[in-house]
Amino acid sequence: MKLLYALLAAAILALGLLHMATTFRLSSSPVAKVWFFGAGMAITFGGILNFLNRRYGLGASGLRAACIGANVLMVCFAVVAGRVTGASAAEQAVMLSVLISALILSVVRSASIGPQTP
């Protein structure tokens, strides 16, 4: 479970970086590019938050709650964004499967690494 959670966090991070990188290929207005890049940043920060939760979530309940809340919001955002932008079913399935899996693992305590004694 711990390894799967790390892989999902890495996948979210990679999707966010890919989202930001593709901003420069858009043929839309500068304002749309800023919002698209910002969405990529949010996805990237979600991946980072999942890495932090995996490592420190059992010892920091506030971090765990923030990660779960962020994952819920990212799933909702992905559903709305997929519908609004007309993403294909395959694109939506990939994004939602990664985000929903990360949400589930952020709730499951056994997916996190316990606090280490110094």
PDB file of N, CA and C in Angstrom:
ATOM      1  N   MET A   1       0.826  -1.199   0.000  1.00  0.00           N
ATOM      2  CA  MET A   1       0.000   0.000   0.000  1.00  0.00           C
ATOM      3  C   MET A   1       0.868   1.261   0.000  1.00  0.00           C
ATOM      4  N   LYS A   2       1.943   1.217   0.782  1.00  0.00           N
ATOM      5  CA  LYS A   2       2.824   2.381   0.861  1.00  0.00           C
ATOM      6  C   LYS A   2       3.457   2.680  -0.489  1.00  0.00           C
ATOM      7  N   LEU A   3       3.882   1.641  -1.191  1.00  0.00           N
ATOM      8  CA  LEU A   3       4.498   1.815  -2.503  1.00  0.00           C
ATOM      9  C   LEU A   3       3.468   2.303  -3.517  1.00  0.00           C
ATOM     10  N   LEU A   4       2.274   1.738  -3.488  1.00  0.00           N
ATOM     11  CA  LEU A   4       1.217   2.169  -4.399  1.00  0.00           C
ATOM     12  C   LEU A   4       0.880   3.639  -4.179  1.00  0.00           C
ATOM     13  N   TYR A   5       0.809   4.055  -2.916  1.00  0.00           N
ATOM     14  CA  TYR A   5       0.521   5.457  -2.612  1.00  0.00           C
ATOM     15  C   TYR A   5       1.635   6.352  -3.146  1.00  0.00           C
ATOM     16  N   ALA A   6       2.897   5.930  -3.013  1.00  0.00           N
ATOM     17  CA  ALA A   6       4.011   6.713  -3.548  1.00  0.00           C
ATOM     18  C   ALA A   6       3.922   6.804  -5.071  1.00  0.00           C
ATOM     19  N   LEU A   7       3.559   5.707  -5.718  1.00  0.00           N
ATOM     20  CA  LEU A   7       3.432   5.720  -7.180  1.00  0.00           C
ATOM     21  C   LEU A   7       2.299   6.640  -7.638  1.00  0.00           C
ATOM     22  N   LEU A   8       1.192   6.616  -6.907  1.00  0.00           N
ATOM     23  CA  LEU A   8       0.074   7.498  -7.262  1.00  0.00           C
ATOM     24  C   LEU A   8       0.427   8.963  -7.030  1.00  0.00           C
ATOM     25  N   ALA A   9       1.127   9.249  -5.946  1.00  0.00           N
ATOM     26  CA  ALA A   9       1.566  10.629  -5.699  1.00  0.00           C
ATOM     27  C   ALA A   9       2.508  11.082  -6.809  1.00  0.00           C
ATOM     28  N   ALA A  10       3.406  10.203  -7.241  1.00  0.00           N
ATOM     29  CA  ALA A  10       4.318  10.526  -8.337  1.00  0.00           C
ATOM     30  C   ALA A  10       3.553  10.740  -9.641  1.00  0.00           C
ATOM     31  N   ALA A  11       2.511   9.938  -9.868  1.00  0.00           N
ATOM     32  CA  ALA A  11       1.700  10.091 -11.077  1.00  0.00           C
ATOM     33  C   ALA A  11       0.973  11.433 -11.074  1.00  0.00           C
ATOM     34  N   ILE A  12       0.445  11.828  -9.923  1.00  0.00           N
ATOM     35  CA  ILE A  12      -0.232  13.125  -9.826  1.00  0.00           C
ATOM     36  C   ILE A  12       0.766  14.250 -10.075  1.00  0.00           C
ATOM     37  N   LEU A  13       1.933  14.140  -9.483  1.00  0.00           N
ATOM     38  CA  LEU A  13       2.980  15.134  -9.690  1.00  0.00           C
ATOM     39  C   LEU A  13       3.351  15.212 -11.167  1.00  0.00           C
ATOM     40  N   ALA A  14       3.526  14.075 -11.820  1.00  0.00           N
ATOM     41  CA  ALA A  14       3.874  14.047 -13.241  1.00  0.00           C
ATOM     42  C   ALA A  14       2.756  14.633 -14.106  1.00  0.00           C
ATOM     43  N   LEU A  15       1.506  14.322 -13.778  1.00  0.00           N
ATOM     44  CA  LEU A  15       0.387  14.887 -14.531  1.00  0.00           C
ATOM     45  C   LEU A  15       0.352  16.407 -14.396  1.00  0.00           C
ATOM     46  N   GLY A  16       0.632  16.899 -13.200  1.00  0.00           N
ATOM     47  CA  GLY A  16       0.669  18.345 -13.000  1.00  0.00           C
ATOM     48  C   GLY A  16       1.792  19.006 -13.794  1.00  0.00           C
ATOM     49  N   LEU A  17       2.960  18.382 -13.794  1.00  0.00           N
ATOM     50  CA  LEU A  17       4.089  18.923 -14.563  1.00  0.00           C
ATOM     51  C   LEU A  17       3.790  18.883 -16.059  1.00  0.00           C
ATOM     52  N   LEU A  18       3.172  17.799 -16.524  1.00  0.00           N
ATOM     53  CA  LEU A  18       2.784  17.706 -17.928  1.00  0.00           C
ATOM     54  C   LEU A  18       1.762  18.780 -18.279  1.00  0.00           C
ATOM     55  N   HIS A  19       0.826  19.006 -17.377  1.00  0.00           N
ATOM     56  CA  HIS A  19      -0.203  20.037 -17.576  1.00  0.00           C
ATOM     57  C   HIS A  19       0.457  21.405 -17.735  1.00  0.00           C
ATOM     58  N   MET A  20       1.436  21.706 -16.872  1.00  0.00           N
ATOM     59  CA  MET A  20       2.129  22.999 -16.967  1.00  0.00           C
ATOM     60  C   MET A  20       2.956  23.088 -18.252  1.00  0.00           C
ATOM     61  N   ALA A  21       3.618  21.998 -18.613  1.00  0.00           N
ATOM     62  CA  ALA A  21       4.463  22.008 -19.811  1.00  0.00           C
ATOM     63  C   ALA A  21       3.655  22.205 -21.088  1.00  0.00           C
ATOM     64  N   THR A  22       2.448  21.671 -21.137  1.00  0.00           N
ATOM     65  CA  THR A  22       1.634  21.808 -22.345  1.00  0.00           C
ATOM     66  C   THR A  22       1.003  23.193 -22.473  1.00  0.00           C
ATOM     67  N   THR A  23       1.112  23.995 -21.450  1.00  0.00           N
ATOM     68  CA  THR A  23       0.566  25.349 -21.507  1.00  0.00           C
ATOM     69  C   THR A  23       1.142  26.116 -22.686  1.00  0.00           C
ATOM     70  N   PHE A  24       2.404  25.930 -22.948  1.00  0.00           N
ATOM     71  CA  PHE A  24       3.085  26.717 -23.965  1.00  0.00           C
ATOM     72  C   PHE A  24       2.711  26.291 -25.382  1.00  0.00           C
ATOM     73  N   ARG A  25       2.015  25.183 -25.529  1.00  0.00           N
ATOM     74  CA  ARG A  25       1.560  24.731 -26.844  1.00  0.00           C
ATOM     75  C   ARG A  25       0.137  25.188 -27.144  1.00  0.00           C
ATOM     76  N   LEU A  26      -0.516  25.822 -26.175  1.00  0.00           N
ATOM     77  CA  LEU A  26      -1.884  26.282 -26.382  1.00  0.00           C
ATOM     78  C   LEU A  26      -1.913  27.442 -27.368  1.00  0.00           C
ATOM     79  N   SER A  27      -2.960  27.499 -28.131  1.00  0.00           N
ATOM     80  CA  SER A  27      -3.119  28.618 -29.059  1.00  0.00           C
ATOM     81  C   SER A  27      -4.248  29.526 -28.583  1.00  0.00           C
ATOM     82  N   SER A  28      -4.313  29.715 -27.288  1.00  0.00           N
ATOM     83  CA  SER A  28      -5.385  30.538 -26.728  1.00  0.00           C
ATOM     84  C   SER A  28      -4.804  31.833 -26.178  1.00  0.00           C
ATOM     85  N   SER A  29      -5.654  32.589 -25.529  1.00  0.00           N
ATOM     86  CA  SER A  29      -5.257  33.890 -25.004  1.00  0.00           C
ATOM     87  C   SER A  29      -4.280  33.742 -23.839  1.00  0.00           C
ATOM     88  N   PRO A  30      -3.518  34.794 -23.557  1.00  0.00           N
ATOM     89  CA  PRO A  30      -2.600  34.738 -22.416  1.00  0.00           C
ATOM     90  C   PRO A  30      -3.319  34.479 -21.094  1.00  0.00           C
ATOM     91  N   VAL A  31      -4.518  35.000 -20.940  1.00  0.00           N
ATOM     92  CA  VAL A  31      -5.272  34.785 -19.708  1.00  0.00           C
ATOM     93  C   VAL A  31      -5.612  33.297 -19.554  1.00  0.00           C
ATOM     94  N   ALA A  32      -6.031  32.665 -20.622  1.00  0.00           N
ATOM     95  CA  ALA A  32      -6.349  31.232 -20.574  1.00  0.00           C
ATOM     96  C   ALA A  32      -5.094  30.425 -20.250  1.00  0.00           C
ATOM     97  N   LYS A  33      -3.954  30.840 -20.790  1.00  0.00           N
ATOM     98  CA  LYS A  33      -2.704  30.142 -20.507  1.00  0.00           C
ATOM     99  C   LYS A  33      -2.333  30.254 -19.034  1.00  0.00           C
ATOM    100  N   VAL A  34      -2.551  31.422 -18.444  1.00  0.00           N
ATOM    101  CA  VAL A  34      -2.261  31.603 -17.022  1.00  0.00           C
ATOM    102  C   VAL A  34      -3.136  30.672 -16.183  1.00  0.00           C
ATOM    103  N   TRP A  35      -4.418  30.598 -16.489  1.00  0.00           N
ATOM    104  CA  TRP A  35      -5.322  29.726 -15.739  1.00  0.00           C
ATOM    105  C   TRP A  35      -4.970  28.259 -15.954  1.00  0.00           C
ATOM    106  N   PHE A  36      -4.598  27.897 -17.165  1.00  0.00           N
ATOM    107  CA  PHE A  36      -4.217  26.509 -17.455  1.00  0.00           C
ATOM    108  C   PHE A  36      -2.954  26.140 -16.682  1.00  0.00           C
ATOM    109  N   PHE A  37      -1.978  27.038 -16.668  1.00  0.00           N
ATOM    110  CA  PHE A  37      -0.739  26.804 -15.923  1.00  0.00           C
ATOM    111  C   PHE A  37      -1.036  26.711 -14.429  1.00  0.00           C
ATOM    112  N   GLY A  38      -1.919  27.573 -13.946  1.00  0.00           N
ATOM    113  CA  GLY A  38      -2.304  27.550 -12.529  1.00  0.00           C
ATOM    114  C   GLY A  38      -2.967  26.242 -12.130  1.00  0.00           C
ATOM    115  N   ALA A  39      -3.779  25.683 -13.015  1.00  0.00           N
ATOM    116  CA  ALA A  39      -4.394  24.383 -12.738  1.00  0.00           C
ATOM    117  C   ALA A  39      -3.315  23.304 -12.661  1.00  0.00           C
ATOM    118  N   GLY A  40      -2.311  23.393 -13.511  1.00  0.00           N
ATOM    119  CA  GLY A  40      -1.190  22.457 -13.453  1.00  0.00           C
ATOM    120  C   GLY A  40      -0.432  22.576 -12.143  1.00  0.00           C
ATOM    121  N   MET A  41      -0.276  23.806 -11.665  1.00  0.00           N
ATOM    122  CA  MET A  41       0.377  24.009 -10.370  1.00  0.00           C
ATOM    123  C   MET A  41      -0.440  23.372  -9.248  1.00  0.00           C
ATOM    124  N   ALA A  42      -1.751  23.523  -9.306  1.00  0.00           N
ATOM    125  CA  ALA A  42      -2.616  22.932  -8.271  1.00  0.00           C
ATOM    126  C   ALA A  42      -2.494  21.405  -8.277  1.00  0.00           C
ATOM    127  N   ILE A  43      -2.460  20.817  -9.457  1.00  0.00           N
ATOM    128  CA  ILE A  43      -2.306  19.365  -9.546  1.00  0.00           C
ATOM    129  C   ILE A  43      -0.953  18.948  -8.973  1.00  0.00           C
ATOM    130  N   THR A  44       0.093  19.689  -9.321  1.00  0.00           N
ATOM    131  CA  THR A  44       1.433  19.396  -8.817  1.00  0.00           C
ATOM    132  C   THR A  44       1.487  19.494  -7.299  1.00  0.00           C
ATOM    133  N   PHE A  45       0.907  20.539  -6.752  1.00  0.00           N
ATOM    134  CA  PHE A  45       0.888  20.692  -5.297  1.00  0.00           C
ATOM    135  C   PHE A  45       0.083  19.566  -4.638  1.00  0.00           C
ATOM    136  N   GLY A  46      -0.949  19.087  -5.321  1.00  0.00           N
ATOM    137  CA  GLY A  46      -1.694  17.935  -4.811  1.00  0.00           C
ATOM    138  C   GLY A  46      -0.816  16.699  -4.716  1.00  0.00           C
ATOM    139  N   GLY A  47       0.025  16.486  -5.717  1.00  0.00           N
ATOM    140  CA  GLY A  47       0.962  15.361  -5.673  1.00  0.00           C
ATOM    141  C   GLY A  47       1.958  15.501  -4.535  1.00  0.00           C
ATOM    142  N   ILE A  48       2.477  16.708  -4.357  1.00  0.00           N
ATOM    143  CA  ILE A  48       3.424  16.962  -3.260  1.00  0.00           C
ATOM    144  C   ILE A  48       2.741  16.741  -1.916  1.00  0.00           C
ATOM    145  N   LEU A  49       1.520  17.210  -1.786  1.00  0.00           N
ATOM    146  CA  LEU A  49       0.773  17.031  -0.537  1.00  0.00           C
ATOM    147  C   LEU A  49       0.555  15.551  -0.229  1.00  0.00           C
ATOM    148  N   ASN A  50       0.309  14.749  -1.258  1.00  0.00           N
ATOM    149  CA  ASN A  50       0.154  13.309  -1.038  1.00  0.00           C
ATOM    150  C   ASN A  50       1.467  12.665  -0.604  1.00  0.00           C
ATOM    151  N   PHE A  51       2.597  13.113  -1.157  1.00  0.00           N
ATOM    152  CA  PHE A  51       3.892  12.622  -0.686  1.00  0.00           C
ATOM    153  C   PHE A  51       4.105  12.972   0.789  1.00  0.00           C
ATOM    154  N   LEU A  52       3.776  14.201   1.151  1.00  0.00           N
ATOM    155  CA  LEU A  52       3.923  14.615   2.551  1.00  0.00           C
ATOM    156  C   LEU A  52       2.998  13.824   3.465  1.00  0.00           C
ATOM    157  N   ASN A  53       1.763  13.600   3.028  1.00  0.00           N
ATOM    158  CA  ASN A  53       0.818  12.825   3.830  1.00  0.00           C
ATOM    159  C   ASN A  53       1.302  11.398   4.001  1.00  0.00           C
ATOM    160  N   ARG A  54       1.838  10.827   2.951  1.00  0.00           N
ATOM    161  CA  ARG A  54       2.337   9.447   3.021  1.00  0.00           C
ATOM    162  C   ARG A  54       3.436   9.340   4.068  1.00  0.00           C
ATOM    163  N   ARG A  55       4.284  10.338   4.145  1.00  0.00           N
ATOM    164  CA  ARG A  55       5.428  10.290   5.054  1.00  0.00           C
ATOM    165  C   ARG A  55       5.091  10.750   6.470  1.00  0.00           C
ATOM    166  N   TYR A  56       4.305  11.815   6.604  1.00  0.00           N
ATOM    167  CA  TYR A  56       4.084  12.436   7.917  1.00  0.00           C
ATOM    168  C   TYR A  56       2.629  12.441   8.376  1.00  0.00           C
ATOM    169  N   GLY A  57       1.713  11.899   7.581  1.00  0.00           N
ATOM    170  CA  GLY A  57       0.283  11.997   7.880  1.00  0.00           C
ATOM    171  C   GLY A  57      -0.158  11.341   9.168  1.00  0.00           C
ATOM    172  N   LEU A  58       0.497  10.249   9.564  1.00  0.00           N
ATOM    173  CA  LEU A  58       0.096   9.582  10.803  1.00  0.00           C
ATOM    174  C   LEU A  58       0.456  10.404  12.033  1.00  0.00           C
ATOM    175  N   GLY A  59       1.489  11.203  11.940  1.00  0.00           N
ATOM    176  CA  GLY A  59       1.903  12.015  13.072  1.00  0.00           C
ATOM    177  C   GLY A  59       1.332  13.424  13.052  1.00  0.00           C
ATOM    178  N   ALA A  60       0.817  13.841  11.923  1.00  0.00           N
ATOM    179  CA  ALA A  60       0.290  15.205  11.785  1.00  0.00           C
ATOM    180  C   ALA A  60      -1.143  15.117  11.246  1.00  0.00           C
ATOM    181  N   SER A  61      -2.089  15.108  12.164  1.00  0.00           N
ATOM    182  CA  SER A  61      -3.487  14.926  11.754  1.00  0.00           C
ATOM    183  C   SER A  61      -3.990  16.075  10.881  1.00  0.00           C
ATOM    184  N   GLY A  62      -3.480  17.268  11.095  1.00  0.00           N
ATOM    185  CA  GLY A  62      -3.882  18.408  10.263  1.00  0.00           C
ATOM    186  C   GLY A  62      -3.427  18.240   8.821  1.00  0.00           C
ATOM    187  N   LEU A  63      -2.233  17.719   8.644  1.00  0.00           N
ATOM    188  CA  LEU A  63      -1.720  17.447   7.300  1.00  0.00           C
ATOM    189  C   LEU A  63      -2.576  16.390   6.620  1.00  0.00           C
ATOM    190  N   ARG A  64      -2.912  15.354   7.351  1.00  0.00           N
ATOM    191  CA  ARG A  64      -3.748  14.278   6.805  1.00  0.00           C
ATOM    192  C   ARG A  64      -5.110  14.811   6.380  1.00  0.00           C
ATOM    193  N   ALA A  65      -5.724  15.629   7.232  1.00  0.00           N
ATOM    194  CA  ALA A  65      -7.037  16.206   6.908  1.00  0.00           C
ATOM    195  C   ALA A  65      -6.941  17.133   5.697  1.00  0.00           C
ATOM    196  N   ALA A  66      -5.875  17.928   5.630  1.00  0.00           N
ATOM    197  CA  ALA A  66      -5.690  18.830   4.489  1.00  0.00           C
ATOM    198  C   ALA A  66      -5.497  18.040   3.201  1.00  0.00           C
ATOM    199  N   CYS A  67      -4.771  16.947   3.275  1.00  0.00           N
ATOM    200  CA  CYS A  67      -4.539  16.113   2.094  1.00  0.00           C
ATOM    201  C   CYS A  67      -5.834  15.463   1.622  1.00  0.00           C
ATOM    202  N   ILE A  68      -6.600  14.940   2.548  1.00  0.00           N
ATOM    203  CA  ILE A  68      -7.884  14.327   2.177  1.00  0.00           C
ATOM    204  C   ILE A  68      -8.799  15.377   1.555  1.00  0.00           C
ATOM    205  N   GLY A  69      -8.867  16.550   2.165  1.00  0.00           N
ATOM    206  CA  GLY A  69      -9.692  17.632   1.614  1.00  0.00           C
ATOM    207  C   GLY A  69      -9.229  18.059   0.232  1.00  0.00           C
ATOM    208  N   ALA A  70      -7.920  18.178   0.047  1.00  0.00           N
ATOM    209  CA  ALA A  70      -7.383  18.552  -1.263  1.00  0.00           C
ATOM    210  C   ALA A  70      -7.691  17.482  -2.301  1.00  0.00           C
ATOM    211  N   ASN A  71      -7.599  16.215  -1.911  1.00  0.00           N
ATOM    212  CA  ASN A  71      -7.906  15.142  -2.849  1.00  0.00           C
ATOM    213  C   ASN A  71      -9.377  15.140  -3.248  1.00  0.00           C
ATOM    214  N   VAL A  72     -10.254  15.405  -2.288  1.00  0.00           N
ATOM    215  CA  VAL A  72     -11.688  15.500  -2.605  1.00  0.00           C
ATOM    216  C   VAL A  72     -11.922  16.642  -3.594  1.00  0.00           C
ATOM    217  N   LEU A  73     -11.321  17.787  -3.331  1.00  0.00           N
ATOM    218  CA  LEU A  73     -11.488  18.930  -4.231  1.00  0.00           C
ATOM    219  C   LEU A  73     -10.907  18.662  -5.613  1.00  0.00           C
ATOM    220  N   MET A  74      -9.775  17.979  -5.681  1.00  0.00           N
ATOM    221  CA  MET A  74      -9.169  17.674  -6.974  1.00  0.00           C
ATOM    222  C   MET A  74     -10.024  16.704  -7.783  1.00  0.00           C
ATOM    223  N   VAL A  75     -10.653  15.738  -7.111  1.00  0.00           N
ATOM    224  CA  VAL A  75     -11.561  14.828  -7.819  1.00  0.00           C
ATOM    225  C   VAL A  75     -12.750  15.611  -8.368  1.00  0.00           C
ATOM    226  N   CYS A  76     -13.330  16.478  -7.557  1.00  0.00           N
ATOM    227  CA  CYS A  76     -14.460  17.302  -8.008  1.00  0.00           C
ATOM    228  C   CYS A  76     -14.049  18.207  -9.161  1.00  0.00           C
ATOM    229  N   PHE A  77     -12.877  18.826  -9.039  1.00  0.00           N
ATOM    230  CA  PHE A  77     -12.362  19.703 -10.092  1.00  0.00           C
ATOM    231  C   PHE A  77     -12.161  18.918 -11.383  1.00  0.00           C
ATOM    232  N   ALA A  78     -11.606  17.714 -11.280  1.00  0.00           N
ATOM    233  CA  ALA A  78     -11.354  16.905 -12.471  1.00  0.00           C
ATOM    234  C   ALA A  78     -12.654  16.518 -13.168  1.00  0.00           C
ATOM    235  N   VAL A  79     -13.674  16.209 -12.396  1.00  0.00           N
ATOM    236  CA  VAL A  79     -14.975  15.858 -12.983  1.00  0.00           C
ATOM    237  C   VAL A  79     -15.536  17.048 -13.751  1.00  0.00           C
ATOM    238  N   VAL A  80     -15.549  18.212 -13.123  1.00  0.00           N
ATOM    239  CA  VAL A  80     -16.085  19.414 -13.762  1.00  0.00           C
ATOM    240  C   VAL A  80     -15.234  19.815 -14.960  1.00  0.00           C
ATOM    241  N   ALA A  81     -13.919  19.827 -14.789  1.00  0.00           N
ATOM    242  CA  ALA A  81     -13.029  20.229 -15.873  1.00  0.00           C
ATOM    243  C   ALA A  81     -13.146  19.293 -17.068  1.00  0.00           C
ATOM    244  N   GLY A  82     -13.274  18.000 -16.807  1.00  0.00           N
ATOM    245  CA  GLY A  82     -13.437  17.049 -17.905  1.00  0.00           C
ATOM    246  C   GLY A  82     -14.703  17.295 -18.702  1.00  0.00           C
ATOM    247  N   ARG A  83     -15.766  17.613 -17.993  1.00  0.00           N
ATOM    248  CA  ARG A  83     -17.045  17.886 -18.671  1.00  0.00           C
ATOM    249  C   ARG A  83     -16.985  19.195 -19.455  1.00  0.00           C
ATOM    250  N   VAL A  84     -16.450  20.239 -18.830  1.00  0.00           N
ATOM    251  CA  VAL A  84     -16.428  21.562 -19.442  1.00  0.00           C
ATOM    252  C   VAL A  84     -15.517  21.599 -20.668  1.00  0.00           C
ATOM    253  N   THR A  85     -14.371  20.938 -20.573  1.00  0.00           N
ATOM    254  CA  THR A  85     -13.405  20.997 -21.673  1.00  0.00           C
ATOM    255  C   THR A  85     -13.658  19.957 -22.749  1.00  0.00           C
ATOM    256  N   GLY A  86     -14.583  19.048 -22.521  1.00  0.00           N
ATOM    257  CA  GLY A  86     -14.874  18.027 -23.514  1.00  0.00           C
ATOM    258  C   GLY A  86     -13.788  16.969 -23.621  1.00  0.00           C
ATOM    259  N   ALA A  87     -13.145  16.662 -22.494  1.00  0.00           N
ATOM    260  CA  ALA A  87     -12.108  15.632 -22.485  1.00  0.00           C
ATOM    261  C   ALA A  87     -12.711  14.292 -22.877  1.00  0.00           C
ATOM    262  N   SER A  88     -11.897  13.475 -23.529  1.00  0.00           N
ATOM    263  CA  SER A  88     -12.384  12.161 -23.946  1.00  0.00           C
ATOM    264  C   SER A  88     -12.631  11.275 -22.727  1.00  0.00           C
ATOM    265  N   ALA A  89     -13.361  10.212 -22.942  1.00  0.00           N
ATOM    266  CA  ALA A  89     -13.641   9.273 -21.848  1.00  0.00           C
ATOM    267  C   ALA A  89     -12.351   8.660 -21.327  1.00  0.00           C
ATOM    268  N   ALA A  90     -11.399   8.384 -22.213  1.00  0.00           N
ATOM    269  CA  ALA A  90     -10.119   7.807 -21.796  1.00  0.00           C
ATOM    270  C   ALA A  90      -9.326   8.798 -20.934  1.00  0.00           C
ATOM    271  N   GLU A  91      -9.303  10.058 -21.329  1.00  0.00           N
ATOM    272  CA  GLU A  91      -8.603  11.083 -20.544  1.00  0.00           C
ATOM    273  C   GLU A  91      -9.226  11.219 -19.161  1.00  0.00           C
ATOM    274  N   GLN A  92     -10.542  11.253 -19.123  1.00  0.00           N
ATOM    275  CA  GLN A  92     -11.230  11.359 -17.838  1.00  0.00           C
ATOM    276  C   GLN A  92     -10.985  10.126 -16.985  1.00  0.00           C
ATOM    277  N   ALA A  93     -10.991   8.962 -17.590  1.00  0.00           N
ATOM    278  CA  ALA A  93     -10.787   7.719 -16.836  1.00  0.00           C
ATOM    279  C   ALA A  93      -9.396   7.674 -16.211  1.00  0.00           C
ATOM    280  N   VAL A  94      -8.386   8.074 -16.959  1.00  0.00           N
ATOM    281  CA  VAL A  94      -7.015   8.072 -16.433  1.00  0.00           C
ATOM    282  C   VAL A  94      -6.907   9.034 -15.263  1.00  0.00           C
ATOM    283  N   MET A  95      -7.349  10.253 -15.470  1.00  0.00           N
ATOM    284  CA  MET A  95      -7.223  11.277 -14.424  1.00  0.00           C
ATOM    285  C   MET A  95      -8.021  10.885 -13.182  1.00  0.00           C
ATOM    286  N   LEU A  96      -9.248  10.459 -13.364  1.00  0.00           N
ATOM    287  CA  LEU A  96     -10.082  10.127 -12.210  1.00  0.00           C
ATOM    288  C   LEU A  96      -9.602   8.862 -11.498  1.00  0.00           C
ATOM    289  N   SER A  97      -9.094   7.899 -12.231  1.00  0.00           N
ATOM    290  CA  SER A  97      -8.611   6.696 -11.557  1.00  0.00           C
ATOM    291  C   SER A  97      -7.414   7.006 -10.675  1.00  0.00           C
ATOM    292  N   VAL A  98      -6.521   7.855 -11.140  1.00  0.00           N
ATOM    293  CA  VAL A  98      -5.364   8.241 -10.330  1.00  0.00           C
ATOM    294  C   VAL A  98      -5.814   9.054  -9.119  1.00  0.00           C
ATOM    295  N   LEU A  99      -6.658  10.057  -9.347  1.00  0.00           N
ATOM    296  CA  LEU A  99      -7.073  10.935  -8.250  1.00  0.00           C
ATOM    297  C   LEU A  99      -7.945  10.212  -7.217  1.00  0.00           C
ATOM    298  N   ILE A 100      -8.859   9.385  -7.665  1.00  0.00           N
ATOM    299  CA  ILE A 100      -9.722   8.666  -6.722  1.00  0.00           C
ATOM    300  C   ILE A 100      -8.910   7.640  -5.935  1.00  0.00           C
ATOM    301  N   SER A 101      -7.974   6.982  -6.598  1.00  0.00           N
ATOM    302  CA  SER A 101      -7.111   6.026  -5.890  1.00  0.00           C
ATOM    303  C   SER A 101      -6.280   6.723  -4.825  1.00  0.00           C
ATOM    304  N   ALA A 102      -5.730   7.885  -5.166  1.00  0.00           N
ATOM    305  CA  ALA A 102      -4.959   8.649  -4.178  1.00  0.00           C
ATOM    306  C   ALA A 102      -5.848   9.097  -3.031  1.00  0.00           C
ATOM    307  N   LEU A 103      -7.077   9.484  -3.327  1.00  0.00           N
ATOM    308  CA  LEU A 103      -8.015   9.875  -2.270  1.00  0.00           C
ATOM    309  C   LEU A 103      -8.260   8.706  -1.319  1.00  0.00           C
ATOM    310  N   ILE A 104      -8.509   7.541  -1.868  1.00  0.00           N
ATOM    311  CA  ILE A 104      -8.759   6.366  -1.029  1.00  0.00           C
ATOM    312  C   ILE A 104      -7.545   6.059  -0.163  1.00  0.00           C
ATOM    313  N   LEU A 105      -6.349   6.079  -0.762  1.00  0.00           N
ATOM    314  CA  LEU A 105      -5.142   5.758  -0.002  1.00  0.00           C
ATOM    315  C   LEU A 105      -4.785   6.847   1.006  1.00  0.00           C
ATOM    316  N   SER A 106      -5.199   8.079   0.758  1.00  0.00           N
ATOM    317  CA  SER A 106      -4.933   9.130   1.745  1.00  0.00           C
ATOM    318  C   SER A 106      -5.776   8.933   3.000  1.00  0.00           C
ATOM    319  N   VAL A 107      -6.877   8.221   2.868  1.00  0.00           N
ATOM    320  CA  VAL A 107      -7.744   7.929   4.006  1.00  0.00           C
ATOM    321  C   VAL A 107      -7.267   6.685   4.753  1.00  0.00           C
ATOM    322  N   VAL A 108      -6.737   5.715   4.036  1.00  0.00           N
ATOM    323  CA  VAL A 108      -6.287   4.453   4.632  1.00  0.00           C
ATOM    324  C   VAL A 108      -4.981   4.677   5.383  1.00  0.00           C
ATOM    325  N   ARG A 109      -5.008   4.434   6.682  1.00  0.00           N
ATOM    326  CA  ARG A 109      -3.833   4.688   7.513  1.00  0.00           C
ATOM    327  C   ARG A 109      -2.640   3.790   7.169  1.00  0.00           C
ATOM    328  N   SER A 110      -2.900   2.587   6.712  1.00  0.00           N
ATOM    329  CA  SER A 110      -1.813   1.657   6.427  1.00  0.00           C
ATOM    330  C   SER A 110      -0.995   2.051   5.199  1.00  0.00           C
ATOM    331  N   ALA A 111      -1.467   3.030   4.418  1.00  0.00           N
ATOM    332  CA  ALA A 111      -0.714   3.502   3.255  1.00  0.00           C
ATOM    333  C   ALA A 111       0.345   4.523   3.628  1.00  0.00           C
ATOM    334  N   SER A 112       0.303   4.988   4.879  1.00  0.00           N
ATOM    335  CA  SER A 112       1.259   6.001   5.336  1.00  0.00           C
ATOM    336  C   SER A 112       2.373   5.354   6.149  1.00  0.00           C
ATOM    337  N   ILE A 113       3.475   6.046   6.208  1.00  0.00           N
ATOM    338  CA  ILE A 113       4.615   5.579   6.975  1.00  0.00           C
ATOM    339  C   ILE A 113       4.493   6.173   8.381  1.00  0.00           C
ATOM    340  N   GLY A 114       4.672   5.339   9.395  1.00  0.00           N
ATOM    341  CA  GLY A 114       4.547   5.797  10.775  1.00  0.00           C
ATOM    342  C   GLY A 114       5.653   6.747  11.181  1.00  0.00           C
ATOM    343  N   PRO A 115       5.442   7.506  12.244  1.00  0.00           N
ATOM    344  CA  PRO A 115       6.456   8.433  12.728  1.00  0.00           C
ATOM    345  C   PRO A 115       7.736   7.687  13.123  1.00  0.00           C
ATOM    346  N   GLN A 116       8.865   8.263  12.752  1.00  0.00           N
ATOM    347  CA  GLN A 116      10.166   7.668  13.046  1.00  0.00           C
ATOM    348  C   GLN A 116      10.735   8.304  14.298  1.00  0.00           C
ATOM    349  N   THR A 117      11.321   7.502  15.150  1.00  0.00           N
ATOM    350  CA  THR A 117      11.993   8.038  16.331  1.00  0.00           C
ATOM    351  C   THR A 117      13.406   8.438  15.959  1.00  0.00           C
ATOM    352  N   PRO A 118      13.876   9.598  16.441  1.00  0.00           N
ATOM    353  CA  PRO A 118      15.222  10.061  16.061  1.00  0.00           C
ATOM    354  C   PRO A 118      16.329   9.252  16.678  1.00  0.00           C
TER     355      PRO A 118
END
